[in-house]
Each structure stands twice: as structure tokens, then as C-alpha cells.
Amino acid sequence: MALSKRTALGISLGVIVLYWIYQIVAHRTGTSIPADFSQFVVRIVTTKLVVLTAILVLLRLDGGGLRDLGVTRHEWPKHLGLGLVFGFGMFVFFNVALDSLMSSLIPRPPSSGRSVTQFFESPMNLLAWIPIGIFGGGVVEELQRIFVITRFESWLGRPGLILGVALTSVMFGYGHLYQGVGTAIGTALSGVMFSLIYLRRRSALEPIAAHAFSDVLAVLGATMLARHRRKPWPRLARRSQPRRC
């Protein structure tokens, strides 16, 4: 039996709330980082596939599809191009300028145990990091964001749209709280920006391209930084050596 629009919307909203509760509980209980990078990759990919499958199923219950989220071929080169421009600008502002400012104002807490940064030390890991940034960050996270804000809009209209943008941005930042309060705030603000990029044309391609490109630049930068810290440039290494009397 086909579900009514109202029932399908109620199910979608319920799933969204349950997922947010799961995120909060998982963060409070703590999630250990595997020692093996392949296990870490499997965990991320599995999570993203589950989220994407849930979105597709919930859209199907409502009698719709990805087109309802703005995934269309209409002027796709233009939207992808603008997305790349937005992505570069967001990387410079959020990952470079704002992150540096937040780190100075709100220092990151000392990490206990293993850290994700260890997985950036090997350039070979980019073979996994780049697809994760494109698929996990660009495609799945932006479809998830658009799905949430459009469900809230269907529920409450324009106030629901504003509420959806606010809540999904807060939860986006909350998911990065393990990196410090400053990073969480910056991530939440970037979530608002991704939402605005989508809302300007209701095209999912722009925020997807922006998020994917920003993430790719971020993992490239993190890899270069991790390699530099592990093996400093010769000039820097010489300067760091104690002087002989």
C-alpha cells in the first residue's frame, strides 16, 4: 500500500531525528580510531553507503528521487564550474584563514590515543582519501544536508527551511567536535554556507562540487603538512639543530 505524503514525511523526519540522536550518543560514548587505515576506510565507506541508501529509500517512500534534491543535468557544466569556484574559496576561508584564527583563539585539546592525522603521513593513503572526499564529503554529506533542509521545509515552510539549515549545520559541526571547539564552530559555519550555495539555485551539483573540491584540497594539504612534520625540509632541520659552542 502506497504511503501518503504526510506519512512519508513523518517517517523521514523521524529517521533524521533518530540519526542525530545516534550521532550525539556515539560522540559522548567515544569512538576509537582503528590502528589500521584500511579498517578506518571501511568504516567511513560503510557509514556513507548506509546514509545514502536511507536517503534513496526515504525519497522512494515519498514517491520522489534524487531529482527532487536538485540532482539534474540542467546546465550541469555551469553548476559544477561554479561549485569548484565556491569550493576553492571556502577552502581558503574556512580551512586556512578561519581555522588558523580559531586555533589561536580556542586551542585544540591534546589528543589522547590515536589521531586521524596519522593516516595522512603516507601519500599512498591519498588513493583512498581523495575518493572519500569526493564521495563521502561531496556527494553523500551534501545530499544528506539537502534532504534534511527540504524535509523541514516541506513540514513547516520557510520557518522549517531556516530551522533545517540551522539544525543540520549545528550537527555538522558537532560531528567534528572531537577536533576541538574551534574546528566545530568553523565546520558548522561551513555547513550554513553549503546550504546557501544550494538554495541560491536549488542545484545539488553546486554544493556537491564545492564540498568535494574543498575536501580534496584539505586532504592534500593535510598530507603535505603531515609529511613536513615527520620529515622537515633540510634547511628547517638544520636550523632546529642545537648550536655547537
Protein backbone atom coordinates (compact mmCIF):
# COMPACT_ATOMS: atom_id res chain seq x y z
CA MET A 1 0.00 0.00 0.00
CA ALA A 2 1.37 3.41 -1.01
CA LEU A 3 2.10 5.83 1.79
CA SER A 4 0.59 9.28 1.90
CA LYS A 5 2.88 12.30 1.55
CA ARG A 6 2.24 13.21 5.18
CA THR A 7 3.13 9.73 6.44
CA ALA A 8 6.27 9.56 4.31
CA LEU A 9 7.33 12.99 5.57
CA GLY A 10 6.76 11.92 9.17
CA ILE A 11 8.91 8.83 8.66
CA SER A 12 11.68 10.93 7.11
CA LEU A 13 11.65 13.43 9.97
CA GLY A 14 11.69 10.59 12.48
CA VAL A 15 14.69 8.96 10.82
CA ILE A 16 16.52 12.30 10.76
CA VAL A 17 15.96 12.85 14.49
CA LEU A 18 17.00 9.28 15.32
CA TYR A 19 20.17 9.70 13.30
CA TRP A 20 21.02 12.89 15.17
CA ILE A 21 20.44 11.13 18.49
CA TYR A 22 22.75 8.35 17.33
CA GLN A 23 25.43 10.94 16.46
CA ILE A 24 25.17 12.54 19.90
CA VAL A 25 25.30 9.20 21.73
CA ALA A 26 28.22 7.97 19.59
CA HIS A 27 30.17 11.14 20.33
CA ARG A 28 29.51 11.02 24.08
CA THR A 29 30.48 7.35 24.37
CA GLY A 30 33.53 7.92 22.20
CA THR A 31 34.61 6.04 19.09
CA SER A 32 38.10 4.61 18.93
CA ILE A 33 40.16 5.13 15.79
CA PRO A 34 41.43 1.87 14.28
CA ALA A 35 45.17 1.37 14.07
CA ASP A 36 44.84 0.11 10.50
CA PHE A 37 43.95 2.64 7.78
CA SER A 38 42.02 0.07 5.73
CA GLN A 39 39.68 -0.55 8.68
CA PHE A 40 39.18 3.19 9.00
CA VAL A 41 38.30 3.46 5.32
CA VAL A 42 35.85 0.56 5.52
CA ARG A 43 34.12 2.22 8.48
CA ILE A 44 33.72 5.53 6.63
CA VAL A 45 32.57 3.97 3.36
CA THR A 46 30.08 1.71 5.13
CA THR A 47 28.60 4.64 7.05
CA LYS A 48 28.26 6.75 3.91
CA LEU A 49 26.66 3.92 1.95
CA VAL A 50 24.12 3.36 4.73
CA VAL A 51 23.25 7.07 4.79
CA LEU A 52 22.93 7.24 1.00
CA THR A 53 20.74 4.12 0.92
CA ALA A 54 18.49 5.56 3.64
CA ILE A 55 18.07 8.78 1.65
CA LEU A 56 17.16 6.89 -1.52
CA VAL A 57 14.66 4.68 0.34
CA LEU A 58 13.01 7.64 2.08
CA LEU A 59 12.78 9.53 -1.20
CA ARG A 60 11.16 6.47 -2.77
CA LEU A 61 8.60 6.30 0.03
CA ASP A 62 7.66 9.87 -0.81
CA GLY A 63 7.32 8.96 -4.49
CA GLY A 64 10.37 11.01 -5.48
CA GLY A 65 14.02 10.64 -6.28
CA LEU A 66 17.32 12.46 -6.44
CA ARG A 67 15.85 14.91 -8.93
CA ASP A 68 13.76 16.30 -6.08
CA LEU A 69 17.00 17.20 -4.30
CA GLY A 70 18.31 19.12 -7.29
CA VAL A 71 20.35 16.39 -8.99
CA THR A 72 19.64 17.19 -12.64
CA ARG A 73 21.59 17.56 -15.87
CA HIS A 74 20.21 21.05 -16.50
CA GLU A 75 23.19 23.35 -17.11
CA TRP A 76 25.39 20.87 -15.25
CA PRO A 77 28.73 22.22 -16.56
CA LYS A 78 27.85 25.68 -15.26
CA HIS A 79 26.78 24.38 -11.85
CA LEU A 80 29.86 22.17 -11.49
CA GLY A 81 32.14 25.05 -12.51
CA LEU A 82 30.56 27.43 -10.02
CA GLY A 83 30.78 24.73 -7.37
CA LEU A 84 34.52 24.38 -7.93
CA VAL A 85 34.95 28.14 -7.58
CA PHE A 86 32.91 28.15 -4.36
CA GLY A 87 34.89 25.16 -3.11
CA PHE A 88 38.24 26.85 -3.60
CA GLY A 89 37.01 29.99 -1.87
CA MET A 90 35.61 28.00 1.05
CA PHE A 91 38.84 26.05 1.43
CA VAL A 92 40.86 29.26 1.65
CA PHE A 93 38.43 30.91 4.06
CA PHE A 94 37.46 28.02 6.33
CA ASN A 95 40.41 25.61 6.19
CA VAL A 96 43.16 28.20 6.09
CA ALA A 97 42.08 31.59 7.44
CA LEU A 98 39.27 30.72 9.87
CA ASP A 99 40.90 27.51 11.10
CA SER A 100 44.10 29.41 11.91
CA LEU A 101 42.12 32.08 13.73
CA MET A 102 40.10 29.56 15.71
CA SER A 103 43.22 27.59 16.61
CA SER A 104 44.77 30.70 18.11
CA LEU A 105 41.61 31.75 19.96
CA ILE A 106 40.48 28.26 21.02
CA PRO A 107 43.46 25.86 21.08
CA ARG A 108 42.73 22.27 20.22
CA PRO A 109 42.71 19.90 23.20
CA PRO A 110 45.63 17.46 23.43
CA SER A 111 44.72 14.24 21.68
CA SER A 112 44.51 11.09 23.75
CA GLY A 113 45.28 7.88 21.91
CA ARG A 114 45.35 7.56 18.13
CA SER A 115 44.50 10.50 15.91
CA VAL A 116 43.22 10.70 12.33
CA THR A 117 46.29 12.76 11.45
CA GLN A 118 48.39 9.58 11.48
CA PHE A 119 46.58 8.46 8.33
CA PHE A 120 47.86 11.47 6.39
CA GLU A 121 51.52 10.60 6.80
CA SER A 122 51.63 8.24 3.84
CA PRO A 123 50.96 9.81 0.40
CA MET A 124 49.64 6.42 -0.75
CA ASN A 125 46.63 6.96 1.51
CA LEU A 126 45.53 9.71 -0.86
CA LEU A 127 44.28 6.91 -3.13
CA ALA A 128 41.56 6.44 -0.50
CA TRP A 129 41.32 9.96 0.94
CA ILE A 130 40.51 11.65 -2.38
CA PRO A 131 37.60 9.30 -3.28
CA ILE A 132 36.35 9.63 0.31
CA GLY A 133 36.43 13.41 0.00
CA ILE A 134 34.54 13.33 -3.30
CA PHE A 135 32.01 10.61 -2.50
CA GLY A 136 31.68 10.83 1.27
CA GLY A 137 32.06 14.57 1.70
CA GLY A 138 30.87 15.94 -1.61
CA VAL A 139 28.10 13.57 -2.67
CA VAL A 140 26.71 11.91 0.46
CA GLU A 141 27.05 14.72 3.00
CA GLU A 142 25.54 17.31 0.66
CA LEU A 143 22.66 15.05 -0.40
CA GLN A 144 22.08 14.42 3.30
CA ARG A 145 22.11 18.16 4.04
CA ILE A 146 19.72 18.94 1.17
CA PHE A 147 17.42 16.08 2.17
CA VAL A 148 17.20 17.38 5.73
CA ILE A 149 16.52 21.03 4.90
CA THR A 150 13.95 20.15 2.22
CA ARG A 151 12.10 17.80 4.61
CA PHE A 152 11.92 20.56 7.21
CA GLU A 153 10.76 22.96 4.50
CA SER A 154 8.01 20.54 3.48
CA TRP A 155 6.98 20.32 7.12
CA LEU A 156 6.95 23.98 8.20
CA GLY A 157 7.53 26.02 5.07
CA ARG A 158 10.05 28.87 5.19
CA PRO A 159 10.48 28.68 9.01
CA GLY A 160 11.18 24.98 8.60
CA LEU A 161 13.77 25.74 5.95
CA ILE A 162 15.59 28.11 8.31
CA LEU A 163 15.30 25.58 11.14
CA GLY A 164 16.61 22.80 8.91
CA VAL A 165 19.63 24.85 7.85
CA ALA A 166 20.39 25.73 11.47
CA LEU A 167 20.00 22.21 12.86
CA THR A 168 21.88 20.40 10.12
CA SER A 169 24.73 22.93 10.38
CA VAL A 170 24.92 22.51 14.15
CA MET A 171 25.02 18.73 13.81
CA PHE A 172 27.62 19.04 11.05
CA GLY A 173 29.81 21.00 13.44
CA TYR A 174 29.02 18.66 16.34
CA GLY A 175 30.34 15.74 14.30
CA HIS A 176 33.74 17.48 14.23
CA LEU A 177 33.79 18.38 17.92
CA TYR A 178 36.48 15.76 18.53
CA GLN A 179 38.84 18.09 16.62
CA GLY A 180 38.19 20.90 19.08
CA VAL A 181 35.56 23.58 19.67
CA GLY A 182 37.15 25.96 17.16
CA THR A 183 37.02 23.38 14.37
CA ALA A 184 33.42 22.50 15.27
CA ILE A 185 32.38 26.16 15.03
CA GLY A 186 34.12 26.60 11.69
CA THR A 187 32.57 23.39 10.35
CA ALA A 188 29.09 24.50 11.44
CA LEU A 189 29.56 27.82 9.64
CA SER A 190 30.70 26.00 6.51
CA GLY A 191 27.51 23.94 6.75
CA VAL A 192 25.47 27.15 6.60
CA MET A 193 27.46 28.23 3.54
CA PHE A 194 26.90 24.90 1.76
CA SER A 195 23.18 25.27 2.43
CA LEU A 196 23.15 28.78 0.98
CA ILE A 197 25.04 27.59 -2.10
CA TYR A 198 22.30 25.03 -2.68
CA LEU A 199 19.45 27.43 -2.04
CA ARG A 200 20.70 30.07 -4.49
CA ARG A 201 19.74 27.85 -7.48
CA ARG A 202 18.32 24.70 -5.87
CA SER A 203 21.00 22.74 -7.68
CA ALA A 204 22.68 19.95 -5.73
CA LEU A 205 25.63 19.97 -8.12
CA GLU A 206 27.00 23.27 -6.81
CA PRO A 207 27.34 22.29 -3.12
CA ILE A 208 28.45 18.77 -4.09
CA ALA A 209 31.26 20.13 -6.27
CA ALA A 210 32.15 22.79 -3.70
CA HIS A 211 32.33 20.32 -0.81
CA ALA A 212 34.20 17.70 -2.84
CA PHE A 213 36.81 20.17 -4.12
CA SER A 214 37.26 21.71 -0.69
CA ASP A 215 37.76 18.27 0.87
CA VAL A 216 40.26 17.20 -1.81
CA LEU A 217 42.30 20.35 -1.22
CA ALA A 218 42.07 19.73 2.54
CA VAL A 219 43.37 16.15 2.36
CA LEU A 220 46.17 17.21 0.02
CA GLY A 221 47.13 19.97 2.44
CA ALA A 222 46.89 17.64 5.45
CA THR A 223 49.13 15.09 3.73
CA MET A 224 51.74 17.71 2.88
CA LEU A 225 51.64 19.06 6.43
CA ALA A 226 51.92 15.60 7.99
CA ARG A 227 54.89 14.73 5.77
CA HIS A 228 56.53 18.05 6.58
CA ARG A 229 56.16 17.49 10.33
CA ARG A 230 57.52 13.97 10.06
CA LYS A 231 60.40 14.85 7.76
CA PRO A 232 61.23 18.59 7.84
CA TRP A 233 62.87 20.32 4.92
CA PRO A 234 66.69 20.16 5.15
CA ARG A 235 67.03 23.88 5.84
CA LEU A 236 64.48 23.71 8.64
CA ALA A 237 66.12 20.58 10.01
CA ARG A 238 69.49 22.30 10.12
CA ARG A 239 68.04 25.32 11.89
CA SER A 240 66.42 23.12 14.50
CA GLN A 241 69.76 21.53 15.47
CA PRO A 242 71.42 22.92 18.60
CA ARG A 243 74.38 25.19 18.01
CA ARG A 244 77.85 23.94 18.89
CA CYS A 245 80.00 26.22 21.04
